[in-house]
Amino acid sequence: QVQLVESGGGSVQAGGSLRLSCAASGDTYCMGWFRQAPGKEREGVAAISTVGGSTYYTDSVKGRFTISQDNAKSTLYLQMNNLKPEDTAMYYCAATTKRACMAIVRALGVMKSATFEYWGQGTQVTVSA
């Protein structure tokens, strides 16, 4: 069983930065960040292989967001720079024990919620114009 606890959300003006953290317990093969804005479907933002370190980003955050991990602390991070109002959402940390998780993400070309079986409670990010 994997438990995930997010922190680091908040309110910021457009162009600002935030760093999200996700403390994980248990072994995983991939971890990632999803977000869901009111009235919209949950969207995969970034993922990382906890074994090899390869990463995936959805197009809208490439060049602005960076996903990373600190294996010693079992913590996942999402550094978000140049934030835009459209980044406003509840952000969720997710993890999976599927060995082929990154292959699945790359084959699909998108992060699907069904690929990840463990979820955090979410942290709110609000970006004002």
N, C-alpha and C. Protein backbone atom coordinates (compact mmCIF):
# COMPACT_ATOMS: atom_id res chain seq x y z
N GLN A 1 0.85 -1.19 0.00
CA GLN A 1 0.00 0.00 0.00
C GLN A 1 0.89 1.24 0.00
N VAL A 2 0.56 2.19 -0.85
CA VAL A 2 1.31 3.43 -0.97
C VAL A 2 0.45 4.58 -0.46
N GLN A 3 1.01 5.39 0.40
CA GLN A 3 0.30 6.57 0.89
C GLN A 3 1.01 7.82 0.39
N LEU A 4 0.22 8.80 -0.02
CA LEU A 4 0.76 10.02 -0.61
C LEU A 4 0.17 11.23 0.11
N VAL A 5 1.03 12.18 0.44
CA VAL A 5 0.57 13.40 1.11
C VAL A 5 1.19 14.60 0.40
N GLU A 6 0.32 15.44 -0.19
CA GLU A 6 0.80 16.62 -0.92
C GLU A 6 0.90 17.83 0.00
N SER A 7 1.72 18.76 -0.41
CA SER A 7 1.81 20.06 0.25
C SER A 7 2.39 21.07 -0.74
N GLY A 8 2.27 22.35 -0.40
CA GLY A 8 2.91 23.38 -1.21
C GLY A 8 2.01 24.19 -2.09
N GLY A 9 0.73 23.89 -2.12
CA GLY A 9 -0.17 24.69 -2.93
C GLY A 9 -0.35 26.08 -2.32
N GLY A 10 -1.06 26.93 -3.05
CA GLY A 10 -1.31 28.28 -2.56
C GLY A 10 -1.78 29.19 -3.66
N SER A 11 -1.76 30.48 -3.38
CA SER A 11 -2.20 31.48 -4.34
C SER A 11 -1.00 32.31 -4.78
N VAL A 12 -0.96 32.61 -6.06
CA VAL A 12 0.15 33.38 -6.61
C VAL A 12 -0.36 34.18 -7.80
N GLN A 13 0.33 35.26 -8.10
CA GLN A 13 -0.03 36.03 -9.28
C GLN A 13 0.59 35.41 -10.53
N ALA A 14 0.00 35.71 -11.65
CA ALA A 14 0.51 35.20 -12.93
C ALA A 14 1.98 35.58 -13.09
N GLY A 15 2.76 34.62 -13.56
CA GLY A 15 4.19 34.83 -13.69
C GLY A 15 4.98 34.35 -12.49
N GLY A 16 4.29 34.04 -11.41
CA GLY A 16 4.95 33.59 -10.20
C GLY A 16 5.27 32.11 -10.22
N SER A 17 5.80 31.63 -9.10
CA SER A 17 6.23 30.24 -8.99
C SER A 17 5.70 29.60 -7.71
N LEU A 18 5.52 28.29 -7.78
CA LEU A 18 5.17 27.47 -6.62
C LEU A 18 5.88 26.14 -6.76
N ARG A 19 6.15 25.50 -5.63
CA ARG A 19 6.68 24.14 -5.66
C ARG A 19 5.78 23.24 -4.83
N LEU A 20 5.28 22.21 -5.48
CA LEU A 20 4.47 21.21 -4.81
C LEU A 20 5.35 20.05 -4.37
N SER A 21 5.01 19.48 -3.23
CA SER A 21 5.73 18.32 -2.71
C SER A 21 4.74 17.19 -2.45
N CYS A 22 5.24 15.97 -2.56
CA CYS A 22 4.40 14.80 -2.29
C CYS A 22 5.26 13.78 -1.56
N ALA A 23 4.96 13.57 -0.29
CA ALA A 23 5.68 12.58 0.50
C ALA A 23 5.03 11.22 0.30
N ALA A 24 5.86 10.24 -0.07
CA ALA A 24 5.35 8.92 -0.40
C ALA A 24 5.89 7.86 0.56
N SER A 25 5.03 6.91 0.88
CA SER A 25 5.46 5.74 1.63
C SER A 25 5.18 4.53 0.78
N GLY A 26 6.13 3.60 0.69
CA GLY A 26 5.94 2.43 -0.15
C GLY A 26 6.69 2.55 -1.46
N ASP A 27 6.93 1.43 -2.10
CA ASP A 27 7.67 1.39 -3.36
C ASP A 27 6.76 1.64 -4.55
N THR A 28 7.27 2.40 -5.51
CA THR A 28 6.50 2.69 -6.71
C THR A 28 7.41 2.57 -7.94
N TYR A 29 6.80 2.51 -9.12
CA TYR A 29 7.56 2.56 -10.37
C TYR A 29 7.42 3.90 -11.07
N CYS A 30 6.30 4.54 -10.90
CA CYS A 30 6.08 5.86 -11.47
C CYS A 30 5.29 6.71 -10.50
N MET A 31 5.57 7.99 -10.53
CA MET A 31 4.76 8.95 -9.80
C MET A 31 4.47 10.11 -10.72
N GLY A 32 3.41 10.82 -10.41
CA GLY A 32 3.05 11.93 -11.28
C GLY A 32 2.13 12.92 -10.61
N TRP A 33 1.86 13.97 -11.36
CA TRP A 33 0.94 15.02 -10.90
C TRP A 33 -0.19 15.15 -11.91
N PHE A 34 -1.40 15.18 -11.39
CA PHE A 34 -2.59 15.47 -12.17
C PHE A 34 -3.18 16.77 -11.62
N ARG A 35 -4.05 17.38 -12.40
CA ARG A 35 -4.79 18.54 -11.92
C ARG A 35 -6.21 18.50 -12.44
N GLN A 36 -7.10 19.13 -11.67
CA GLN A 36 -8.50 19.19 -12.08
C GLN A 36 -9.05 20.55 -11.71
N ALA A 37 -9.49 21.27 -12.73
CA ALA A 37 -10.13 22.56 -12.53
C ALA A 37 -11.64 22.34 -12.44
N PRO A 38 -12.35 23.25 -11.79
CA PRO A 38 -13.81 23.10 -11.67
C PRO A 38 -14.48 22.94 -13.03
N GLY A 39 -15.31 21.94 -13.15
CA GLY A 39 -16.05 21.72 -14.38
C GLY A 39 -15.25 21.06 -15.49
N LYS A 40 -13.99 20.69 -15.20
CA LYS A 40 -13.15 20.07 -16.22
C LYS A 40 -12.71 18.68 -15.78
N GLU A 41 -12.28 17.89 -16.76
CA GLU A 41 -11.79 16.56 -16.45
C GLU A 41 -10.39 16.63 -15.83
N ARG A 42 -10.06 15.59 -15.09
CA ARG A 42 -8.72 15.51 -14.50
C ARG A 42 -7.70 15.36 -15.63
N GLU A 43 -6.61 16.11 -15.53
CA GLU A 43 -5.59 16.16 -16.58
C GLU A 43 -4.23 15.76 -16.02
N GLY A 44 -3.55 14.86 -16.72
CA GLY A 44 -2.19 14.51 -16.33
C GLY A 44 -1.23 15.62 -16.70
N VAL A 45 -0.40 16.03 -15.76
CA VAL A 45 0.51 17.15 -15.96
C VAL A 45 1.93 16.68 -16.21
N ALA A 46 2.46 15.85 -15.33
CA ALA A 46 3.84 15.39 -15.45
C ALA A 46 3.99 14.07 -14.72
N ALA A 47 4.92 13.25 -15.20
CA ALA A 47 5.17 11.96 -14.58
C ALA A 47 6.67 11.68 -14.60
N ILE A 48 7.09 10.83 -13.68
CA ILE A 48 8.50 10.45 -13.62
C ILE A 48 8.62 8.98 -13.25
N SER A 49 9.56 8.30 -13.88
CA SER A 49 9.88 6.94 -13.49
C SER A 49 10.73 7.00 -12.23
N THR A 50 10.28 6.38 -11.18
CA THR A 50 11.03 6.43 -9.92
C THR A 50 12.26 5.53 -9.96
N VAL A 51 12.35 4.71 -11.00
CA VAL A 51 13.49 3.81 -11.15
C VAL A 51 14.53 4.42 -12.08
N GLY A 52 14.12 4.82 -13.27
CA GLY A 52 15.06 5.33 -14.27
C GLY A 52 15.16 6.84 -14.34
N GLY A 53 14.15 7.54 -13.82
CA GLY A 53 14.17 9.00 -13.84
C GLY A 53 13.64 9.64 -15.10
N SER A 54 13.17 8.85 -16.07
CA SER A 54 12.62 9.46 -17.28
C SER A 54 11.34 10.21 -16.93
N THR A 55 11.07 11.24 -17.72
CA THR A 55 9.94 12.11 -17.41
C THR A 55 9.01 12.28 -18.60
N TYR A 56 7.81 12.74 -18.28
CA TYR A 56 6.80 13.07 -19.28
C TYR A 56 6.12 14.36 -18.83
N TYR A 57 5.83 15.24 -19.80
CA TYR A 57 5.09 16.47 -19.52
C TYR A 57 3.99 16.64 -20.55
N THR A 58 2.86 17.11 -20.11
CA THR A 58 1.84 17.49 -21.07
C THR A 58 2.29 18.78 -21.75
N ASP A 59 1.87 19.00 -22.97
CA ASP A 59 2.40 20.10 -23.78
C ASP A 59 2.23 21.46 -23.12
N SER A 60 1.12 21.68 -22.43
CA SER A 60 0.83 23.01 -21.90
C SER A 60 1.77 23.45 -20.78
N VAL A 61 2.55 22.52 -20.21
CA VAL A 61 3.44 22.90 -19.11
C VAL A 61 4.92 22.74 -19.47
N LYS A 62 5.20 22.23 -20.66
CA LYS A 62 6.60 22.04 -21.06
C LYS A 62 7.34 23.38 -21.02
N GLY A 63 8.53 23.36 -20.43
CA GLY A 63 9.33 24.57 -20.33
C GLY A 63 9.00 25.43 -19.12
N ARG A 64 7.90 25.11 -18.44
CA ARG A 64 7.49 25.89 -17.25
C ARG A 64 7.52 25.05 -15.98
N PHE A 65 7.14 23.78 -16.07
CA PHE A 65 7.08 22.90 -14.92
C PHE A 65 8.22 21.87 -14.98
N THR A 66 8.72 21.50 -13.80
CA THR A 66 9.74 20.47 -13.72
C THR A 66 9.37 19.48 -12.62
N ILE A 67 9.31 18.21 -13.00
CA ILE A 67 9.04 17.16 -12.03
C ILE A 67 10.37 16.55 -11.61
N SER A 68 10.51 16.27 -10.31
CA SER A 68 11.75 15.68 -9.82
C SER A 68 11.44 14.85 -8.59
N GLN A 69 12.43 14.09 -8.17
CA GLN A 69 12.24 13.25 -6.99
C GLN A 69 13.49 13.25 -6.13
N ASP A 70 13.28 13.07 -4.87
CA ASP A 70 14.37 12.89 -3.91
C ASP A 70 14.16 11.52 -3.30
N ASN A 71 14.88 10.55 -3.83
CA ASN A 71 14.65 9.17 -3.39
C ASN A 71 14.98 8.98 -1.91
N ALA A 72 15.99 9.71 -1.43
CA ALA A 72 16.37 9.56 -0.03
C ALA A 72 15.24 9.99 0.90
N LYS A 73 14.47 10.98 0.44
CA LYS A 73 13.37 11.49 1.26
C LYS A 73 12.02 10.92 0.81
N SER A 74 12.05 10.09 -0.23
CA SER A 74 10.81 9.53 -0.78
C SER A 74 9.81 10.63 -1.07
N THR A 75 10.30 11.67 -1.71
CA THR A 75 9.46 12.83 -1.99
C THR A 75 9.49 13.19 -3.46
N LEU A 76 8.33 13.51 -3.98
CA LEU A 76 8.16 13.95 -5.36
C LEU A 76 7.90 15.45 -5.34
N TYR A 77 8.46 16.14 -6.33
CA TYR A 77 8.28 17.59 -6.41
C TYR A 77 7.72 17.99 -7.78
N LEU A 78 7.05 19.12 -7.79
CA LEU A 78 6.67 19.74 -9.06
C LEU A 78 6.97 21.23 -8.92
N GLN A 79 8.03 21.66 -9.58
CA GLN A 79 8.38 23.08 -9.60
C GLN A 79 7.61 23.73 -10.73
N MET A 80 6.82 24.73 -10.39
CA MET A 80 5.97 25.38 -11.37
C MET A 80 6.39 26.84 -11.49
N ASN A 81 6.89 27.21 -12.66
CA ASN A 81 7.34 28.57 -12.93
C ASN A 81 6.45 29.22 -13.98
N ASN A 82 6.50 30.54 -14.04
CA ASN A 82 5.72 31.29 -15.02
C ASN A 82 4.26 30.82 -15.03
N LEU A 83 3.68 30.77 -13.86
CA LEU A 83 2.31 30.26 -13.73
C LEU A 83 1.32 31.17 -14.44
N LYS A 84 0.29 30.54 -14.97
CA LYS A 84 -0.76 31.25 -15.70
C LYS A 84 -2.10 30.99 -15.03
N PRO A 85 -3.06 31.89 -15.22
CA PRO A 85 -4.38 31.67 -14.60
C PRO A 85 -4.99 30.31 -14.98
N GLU A 86 -4.70 29.83 -16.18
CA GLU A 86 -5.25 28.54 -16.60
C GLU A 86 -4.60 27.36 -15.88
N ASP A 87 -3.56 27.61 -15.08
CA ASP A 87 -2.97 26.56 -14.27
C ASP A 87 -3.75 26.36 -12.97
N THR A 88 -4.70 27.23 -12.70
CA THR A 88 -5.50 27.12 -11.49
C THR A 88 -6.27 25.82 -11.46
N ALA A 89 -6.08 25.04 -10.39
CA ALA A 89 -6.72 23.73 -10.28
C ALA A 89 -6.35 23.10 -8.94
N MET A 90 -7.02 22.01 -8.64
CA MET A 90 -6.59 21.14 -7.55
C MET A 90 -5.55 20.20 -8.15
N TYR A 91 -4.41 20.13 -7.52
CA TYR A 91 -3.33 19.28 -8.00
C TYR A 91 -3.23 18.03 -7.13
N TYR A 92 -3.15 16.88 -7.78
CA TYR A 92 -3.11 15.59 -7.10
C TYR A 92 -1.81 14.87 -7.43
N CYS A 93 -1.19 14.32 -6.40
CA CYS A 93 -0.06 13.43 -6.57
C CYS A 93 -0.60 12.02 -6.79
N ALA A 94 0.04 11.27 -7.68
CA ALA A 94 -0.40 9.91 -7.97
C ALA A 94 0.81 8.99 -8.11
N ALA A 95 0.58 7.72 -7.87
CA ALA A 95 1.66 6.75 -7.97
C ALA A 95 1.12 5.41 -8.44
N THR A 96 2.02 4.61 -9.02
CA THR A 96 1.65 3.29 -9.47
C THR A 96 2.79 2.32 -9.25
N THR A 97 2.42 1.06 -9.07
CA THR A 97 3.42 -0.01 -8.96
C THR A 97 3.53 -0.79 -10.27
N LYS A 98 2.88 -0.31 -11.30
CA LYS A 98 2.98 -0.96 -12.61
C LYS A 98 4.38 -0.73 -13.17
N ARG A 99 5.10 -1.81 -13.48
CA ARG A 99 6.45 -1.67 -14.00
C ARG A 99 6.49 -0.96 -15.35
N ALA A 100 5.46 -1.14 -16.15
CA ALA A 100 5.45 -0.56 -17.50
C ALA A 100 4.80 0.81 -17.54
N CYS A 101 4.72 1.50 -16.41
CA CYS A 101 3.96 2.74 -16.34
C CYS A 101 4.41 3.79 -17.35
N MET A 102 5.70 4.05 -17.47
CA MET A 102 6.15 5.08 -18.41
C MET A 102 5.93 4.63 -19.84
N ALA A 103 6.08 3.34 -20.11
CA ALA A 103 5.80 2.83 -21.45
C ALA A 103 4.33 3.03 -21.79
N ILE A 104 3.46 2.84 -20.80
CA ILE A 104 2.03 3.06 -21.00
C ILE A 104 1.76 4.52 -21.31
N VAL A 105 2.36 5.41 -20.54
CA VAL A 105 2.16 6.84 -20.76
C VAL A 105 2.63 7.25 -22.15
N ARG A 106 3.81 6.76 -22.54
CA ARG A 106 4.34 7.14 -23.86
C ARG A 106 3.54 6.53 -24.99
N ALA A 107 3.04 5.32 -24.81
CA ALA A 107 2.24 4.69 -25.85
C ALA A 107 0.92 5.43 -26.03
N LEU A 108 0.35 5.86 -24.93
CA LEU A 108 -0.92 6.58 -25.00
C LEU A 108 -0.72 8.03 -25.43
N GLY A 109 0.46 8.57 -25.12
CA GLY A 109 0.73 9.98 -25.41
C GLY A 109 0.08 10.92 -24.42
N VAL A 110 -0.47 10.35 -23.36
CA VAL A 110 -1.14 11.15 -22.34
C VAL A 110 -1.17 10.35 -21.06
N MET A 111 -1.21 11.06 -19.93
CA MET A 111 -1.35 10.37 -18.65
C MET A 111 -2.81 10.10 -18.37
N LYS A 112 -3.13 8.86 -18.16
CA LYS A 112 -4.49 8.48 -17.82
C LYS A 112 -4.60 8.17 -16.33
N SER A 113 -5.69 8.62 -15.73
CA SER A 113 -5.89 8.35 -14.30
C SER A 113 -5.84 6.87 -14.00
N ALA A 114 -6.33 6.05 -14.92
CA ALA A 114 -6.42 4.61 -14.68
C ALA A 114 -5.05 3.95 -14.57
N THR A 115 -4.01 4.64 -15.05
CA THR A 115 -2.66 4.07 -14.97
C THR A 115 -2.13 4.12 -13.53
N PHE A 116 -2.67 4.99 -12.72
CA PHE A 116 -2.17 5.22 -11.37
C PHE A 116 -3.22 4.76 -10.35
N GLU A 117 -2.80 3.93 -9.41
CA GLU A 117 -3.78 3.38 -8.47
C GLU A 117 -3.74 4.04 -7.09
N TYR A 118 -2.74 4.86 -6.84
CA TYR A 118 -2.65 5.52 -5.53
C TYR A 118 -2.71 7.04 -5.72
N TRP A 119 -3.46 7.70 -4.84
CA TRP A 119 -3.71 9.13 -4.99
C TRP A 119 -3.59 9.85 -3.66
N GLY A 120 -3.10 11.09 -3.72
CA GLY A 120 -3.10 11.96 -2.57
C GLY A 120 -4.43 12.69 -2.46
N GLN A 121 -4.54 13.52 -1.45
CA GLN A 121 -5.80 14.20 -1.18
C GLN A 121 -5.95 15.48 -1.99
N GLY A 122 -4.88 15.96 -2.58
CA GLY A 122 -4.94 17.16 -3.42
C GLY A 122 -4.50 18.41 -2.69
N THR A 123 -3.96 19.34 -3.46
CA THR A 123 -3.58 20.65 -2.92
C THR A 123 -3.96 21.71 -3.96
N GLN A 124 -4.56 22.80 -3.49
CA GLN A 124 -5.11 23.80 -4.40
C GLN A 124 -4.03 24.78 -4.85
N VAL A 125 -4.02 25.05 -6.14
CA VAL A 125 -3.18 26.08 -6.73
C VAL A 125 -4.08 27.10 -7.42
N THR A 126 -3.94 28.36 -7.03
CA THR A 126 -4.75 29.42 -7.60
C THR A 126 -3.82 30.51 -8.15
N VAL A 127 -3.99 30.81 -9.44
CA VAL A 127 -3.15 31.81 -10.10
C VAL A 127 -4.06 32.94 -10.55
N SER A 128 -3.78 34.14 -10.05
CA SER A 128 -4.59 35.29 -10.41
C SER A 128 -3.90 36.10 -11.50
N ALA A 129 -4.73 36.72 -12.33
CA ALA A 129 -4.20 37.50 -13.46
C ALA A 129 -3.59 38.80 -13.00
